[in-house]
C-alpha cells in the first residue's frame, strides 16, 4: 500500500530521497533552476502547474528572468510530507526533460532573530508594524519561527529569550537556513572573509558567526532538530 500523501517525513529521510538539486531547508524543500529566458521559465511553470493540479499539491514559485525558484511544504501541518517529496522529485524530472540546469548556489531561507527580555511585550509591535501572522504551539516549533509573512514573501521572525540585558551586543541578527551539505564550505568562506566562529555549541543545528565588528549571523540546518522537537516527524 502506498504511503498517504500527507504522511509526515523526517528531514533526514527527505534529504536522502530528494533528487538534485532539491534540498531540505527548515520545514520545506527548495530548489532553483536556470531557465535562460522568460519563455523557457513560463514553459517550465506551465508543466509544473499541470502536475500540481493533478497531485492537488502546489509549490510556491518565484519566476524571474533567467531563473525560477521553488518551495514546497505542507502548510496545513507545517511539516515535510510524502506529497512534498513526491512533487519535488516530479519537478526535478520535468526539469531534466526540459534540459534545465540547477542554480549553482542552492536555495536558502532568510530569517531575522530578535533577542528580547520580555517577548510577550514586544511581539505585538512587530505583528503590527510588519502585518505578519503569529504562529503558536506546535506550528511555531515546527516552523522554527514566531511570526511569518502571510504572503510568504518576507523573512520570518524568531524571538530569542534573553537571560539578562546586553548593551554591548547586537540584539537583532540574521538566521540563514542552508543545505546541511553546504555548511563546511560556507563556514570556511566566512572565515576567509574576515569572520569568526562565535559558537558551535548547538551544531549541527546552527553555528554562530560574526563579522569583524561583531555583527552576528546563524547558519542553520535541519540536522538534529527532529531529535530536539523542532522540525520533522
Protein backbone atom coordinates (compact mmCIF):
# COMPACT_ATOMS: atom_id res chain seq x y z
CA UNK A 1 0.00 0.00 0.00
CA UNK A 2 1.36 3.41 -0.98
CA UNK A 3 2.00 5.86 1.89
CA UNK A 4 -0.53 8.63 2.45
CA UNK A 5 0.46 11.84 0.58
CA UNK A 6 0.11 13.83 3.81
CA UNK A 7 2.17 11.42 5.90
CA UNK A 8 4.95 13.37 7.66
CA UNK A 9 8.51 12.66 6.57
CA UNK A 10 11.54 13.40 8.72
CA UNK A 11 14.07 15.89 7.38
CA UNK A 12 16.73 13.17 7.34
CA UNK A 13 14.52 10.82 5.30
CA UNK A 14 13.50 13.55 2.88
CA UNK A 15 17.12 14.59 2.42
CA UNK A 16 18.10 11.08 1.23
CA UNK A 17 15.12 10.72 -1.11
CA UNK A 18 15.12 14.10 -2.87
CA UNK A 19 16.51 14.38 -6.40
CA UNK A 20 19.15 17.04 -7.09
CA UNK A 21 19.01 19.99 -6.77
CA UNK A 22 16.25 19.75 -4.13
CA UNK A 23 17.33 20.30 -0.52
CA UNK A 24 15.65 20.34 2.87
CA UNK A 25 15.55 23.91 4.23
CA UNK A 26 13.79 24.14 7.59
CA UNK A 27 10.32 22.60 7.24
CA UNK A 28 10.25 22.85 3.44
CA UNK A 29 12.10 21.58 0.39
CA UNK A 30 13.57 24.05 -2.10
CA UNK A 31 15.30 24.20 -5.47
CA UNK A 32 16.26 26.70 -8.14
CA UNK A 33 16.90 26.37 -11.88
CA UNK A 34 18.43 28.41 -14.68
CA UNK A 35 15.83 28.94 -17.41
CA UNK A 36 17.93 31.37 -19.53
CA UNK A 37 14.79 33.16 -20.72
CA UNK A 38 11.32 34.11 -19.54
CA UNK A 39 9.76 31.94 -22.24
CA UNK A 40 11.52 28.78 -21.02
CA UNK A 41 10.63 29.67 -17.46
CA UNK A 42 6.94 30.02 -18.34
CA UNK A 43 7.03 26.69 -20.18
CA UNK A 44 8.54 25.05 -17.09
CA UNK A 45 5.98 26.77 -14.85
CA UNK A 46 3.13 25.54 -17.06
CA UNK A 47 4.33 21.93 -16.81
CA UNK A 48 4.68 22.27 -13.02
CA UNK A 49 1.18 23.74 -12.73
CA UNK A 50 -0.34 20.86 -14.68
CA UNK A 51 1.26 18.24 -12.43
CA UNK A 52 0.49 20.21 -9.28
CA UNK A 53 -3.20 20.30 -10.19
CA UNK A 54 -3.23 16.54 -10.74
CA UNK A 55 -1.49 15.98 -7.40
CA UNK A 56 -3.65 18.61 -5.65
CA UNK A 57 -0.43 19.91 -4.08
CA UNK A 58 1.10 23.22 -5.11
CA UNK A 59 4.58 24.76 -4.81
CA UNK A 60 5.40 28.39 -4.16
CA UNK A 61 7.04 29.68 -7.34
CA UNK A 62 9.19 32.77 -7.90
CA UNK A 63 9.66 33.24 -11.65
CA UNK A 64 12.27 35.76 -12.76
CA UNK A 65 14.07 36.49 -15.98
CA UNK A 66 16.51 33.61 -16.39
CA UNK A 67 15.71 31.80 -13.13
CA UNK A 68 12.90 30.04 -11.27
CA UNK A 69 12.86 29.38 -7.52
CA UNK A 70 10.58 26.77 -5.95
CA UNK A 71 9.50 25.99 -2.39
CA UNK A 72 7.29 23.06 -1.42
CA UNK A 73 5.80 22.47 2.02
CA UNK A 74 2.59 21.15 3.53
CA UNK A 75 1.18 24.33 5.06
CA UNK A 76 -1.63 22.57 6.92
CA UNK A 77 0.78 20.59 9.09
CA UNK A 78 3.94 22.77 8.98
CA UNK A 79 5.87 19.59 8.22
CA UNK A 80 7.55 17.96 5.25
CA UNK A 81 5.28 15.22 3.90
CA UNK A 82 5.26 12.47 1.28
CA UNK A 83 3.43 14.89 -1.02
CA UNK A 84 6.32 17.37 -0.80
CA UNK A 85 8.97 14.79 -1.64
CA UNK A 86 6.89 13.32 -4.46
CA UNK A 87 6.17 16.67 -6.11
CA UNK A 88 9.79 17.81 -5.77
CA UNK A 89 11.07 14.68 -7.49
CA UNK A 90 8.44 15.05 -10.23
CA UNK A 91 9.53 18.66 -10.85
CA UNK A 92 13.15 17.51 -11.00
CA UNK A 93 12.15 15.02 -13.70
CA UNK A 94 10.36 17.75 -15.68
CA UNK A 95 13.46 19.96 -15.43
CA UNK A 96 15.63 17.16 -16.82
CA UNK A 97 13.20 16.68 -19.72
CA UNK A 98 13.41 20.40 -20.49
CA UNK A 99 17.22 20.29 -20.07
CA UNK A 100 17.22 22.96 -17.37
CA UNK A 101 20.34 23.32 -15.23
CA UNK A 102 20.14 23.79 -11.44
CA UNK A 103 21.36 27.07 -10.00
CA UNK A 104 24.99 26.91 -8.94
CA UNK A 105 24.13 28.19 -5.44
CA UNK A 106 21.50 26.19 -3.51
CA UNK A 107 18.29 27.81 -2.30
CA UNK A 108 18.26 29.20 1.24
CA UNK A 109 15.82 30.64 3.80
CA UNK A 110 16.43 34.04 5.38
CA UNK A 111 15.03 34.77 8.87
CA UNK A 112 15.51 37.61 11.35
CA UNK A 113 16.06 36.78 15.03
CA UNK A 114 15.27 39.32 17.75
CA UNK A 115 16.66 38.89 21.27
CA UNK A 116 14.29 40.11 23.99
CA UNK A 117 13.85 40.08 27.76
CA UNK A 118 10.04 40.30 27.52
CA UNK A 119 8.95 38.63 24.28
CA UNK A 120 5.23 38.94 25.05
CA UNK A 121 5.64 42.69 25.41
CA UNK A 122 7.40 43.33 22.10
CA UNK A 123 5.62 40.75 19.93
CA UNK A 124 2.51 42.91 19.32
CA UNK A 125 4.70 45.73 17.97
CA UNK A 126 6.34 43.50 15.37
CA UNK A 127 2.99 41.96 14.44
CA UNK A 128 1.53 45.44 13.89
CA UNK A 129 4.44 47.05 12.06
CA UNK A 130 5.06 44.09 9.74
CA UNK A 131 1.47 42.93 9.24
CA UNK A 132 2.59 39.35 9.91
CA UNK A 133 0.74 36.28 11.26
CA UNK A 134 1.64 34.75 14.62
CA UNK A 135 2.44 31.04 14.96
CA UNK A 136 1.79 29.26 18.25
CA UNK A 137 2.36 25.87 19.83
CA UNK A 138 3.46 23.03 17.59
CA UNK A 139 3.26 25.16 14.46
CA UNK A 140 5.78 27.59 15.95
CA UNK A 141 8.22 24.82 16.88
CA UNK A 142 7.97 23.00 13.55
CA UNK A 143 8.38 26.17 11.51
CA UNK A 144 11.14 27.49 13.81
CA UNK A 145 9.51 30.91 13.60
CA UNK A 146 7.24 33.12 15.70
CA UNK A 147 5.88 35.47 13.04
CA UNK A 148 5.50 34.83 9.32
CA UNK A 149 4.52 36.89 6.30
CA UNK A 150 1.02 35.69 5.27
CA UNK A 151 2.03 36.21 1.63
CA UNK A 152 5.13 34.05 2.10
CA UNK A 153 7.48 36.66 0.62
CA UNK A 154 9.30 38.33 3.51
CA UNK A 155 11.64 36.80 6.13
CA UNK A 156 10.17 35.05 9.15
CA UNK A 157 10.78 36.48 12.63
CA UNK A 158 12.12 34.43 15.55
CA UNK A 159 12.20 35.76 19.11
CA UNK A 160 15.06 34.51 21.27
CA UNK A 161 14.78 34.72 25.04
CA UNK A 162 17.49 36.79 26.73
CA UNK A 163 18.56 35.99 30.28
CA UNK A 164 19.89 39.47 31.03
CA UNK A 165 20.28 42.91 29.47
CA UNK A 166 23.13 43.24 26.97
CA UNK A 167 24.34 46.70 25.99
CA UNK A 168 27.45 45.75 24.04
CA UNK A 169 25.97 43.09 21.75
CA UNK A 170 23.56 43.26 18.83
CA UNK A 171 20.06 42.15 19.70
CA UNK A 172 18.89 41.52 16.14
CA UNK A 173 20.73 39.03 13.97
CA UNK A 174 20.22 37.03 10.78
CA UNK A 175 19.28 33.35 10.66
CA UNK A 176 20.30 31.87 7.32
CA UNK A 177 18.99 28.37 6.61
CA UNK A 178 21.21 26.48 4.17
CA UNK A 179 21.52 22.87 2.96
CA UNK A 180 23.34 20.74 5.52
CA UNK A 181 25.96 19.71 2.96
CA UNK A 182 26.86 23.37 2.31
CA UNK A 183 27.83 24.23 5.90
CA UNK A 184 31.54 23.39 5.86
CA UNK A 185 32.20 25.41 2.71
CA UNK A 186 30.13 28.36 3.95
CA UNK A 187 31.91 28.39 7.34
CA UNK A 188 35.30 28.39 5.65
CA UNK A 189 34.26 31.13 3.22
CA UNK A 190 33.07 33.30 6.11
CA UNK A 191 36.35 32.85 7.98
CA UNK A 192 38.38 33.57 4.85
CA UNK A 193 36.37 36.80 4.51
CA UNK A 194 37.42 38.00 7.95
CA UNK A 195 34.66 36.45 10.05
CA UNK A 196 34.99 34.49 13.27
CA UNK A 197 33.19 31.47 14.68
CA UNK A 198 31.46 32.71 17.84
CA UNK A 199 29.94 29.39 18.89
CA UNK A 200 29.34 25.87 17.64
CA UNK A 201 27.61 24.81 20.87
CA UNK A 202 24.40 23.96 19.02
CA UNK A 203 25.98 22.45 15.90
CA UNK A 204 24.89 20.84 13.66
CA UNK A 205 21.56 22.62 14.22
CA UNK A 206 23.23 26.03 13.97
CA UNK A 207 26.59 27.83 14.14
CA UNK A 208 27.05 31.46 15.25
CA UNK A 209 29.39 33.60 13.15
CA UNK A 210 30.33 37.28 13.38
CA UNK A 211 31.93 39.83 11.10
CA UNK A 212 34.93 41.92 12.10
CA UNK A 213 32.72 44.31 14.12
CA UNK A 214 30.76 41.61 15.91
CA UNK A 215 27.56 41.60 13.83
CA UNK A 216 26.21 38.07 14.02
CA UNK A 217 24.60 35.55 11.71
CA UNK A 218 23.50 31.99 12.47
CA UNK A 219 23.95 29.30 9.83
CA UNK A 220 21.03 26.92 10.38
CA UNK A 221 20.26 23.40 9.11
CA UNK A 222 17.64 20.73 9.73
CA UNK A 223 20.16 18.42 11.39
CA UNK A 224 19.32 17.12 14.89
CA UNK A 225 16.30 19.42 15.16
CA UNK A 226 13.89 16.49 14.84
CA UNK A 227 15.52 14.86 17.87
CA UNK A 228 15.14 18.11 19.82
CA UNK A 229 11.48 18.53 18.86
CA UNK A 230 11.93 21.42 16.46
CA UNK A 231 11.40 20.04 12.97
CA UNK A 232 10.27 16.78 11.44
CA UNK A 233 8.01 13.89 12.26
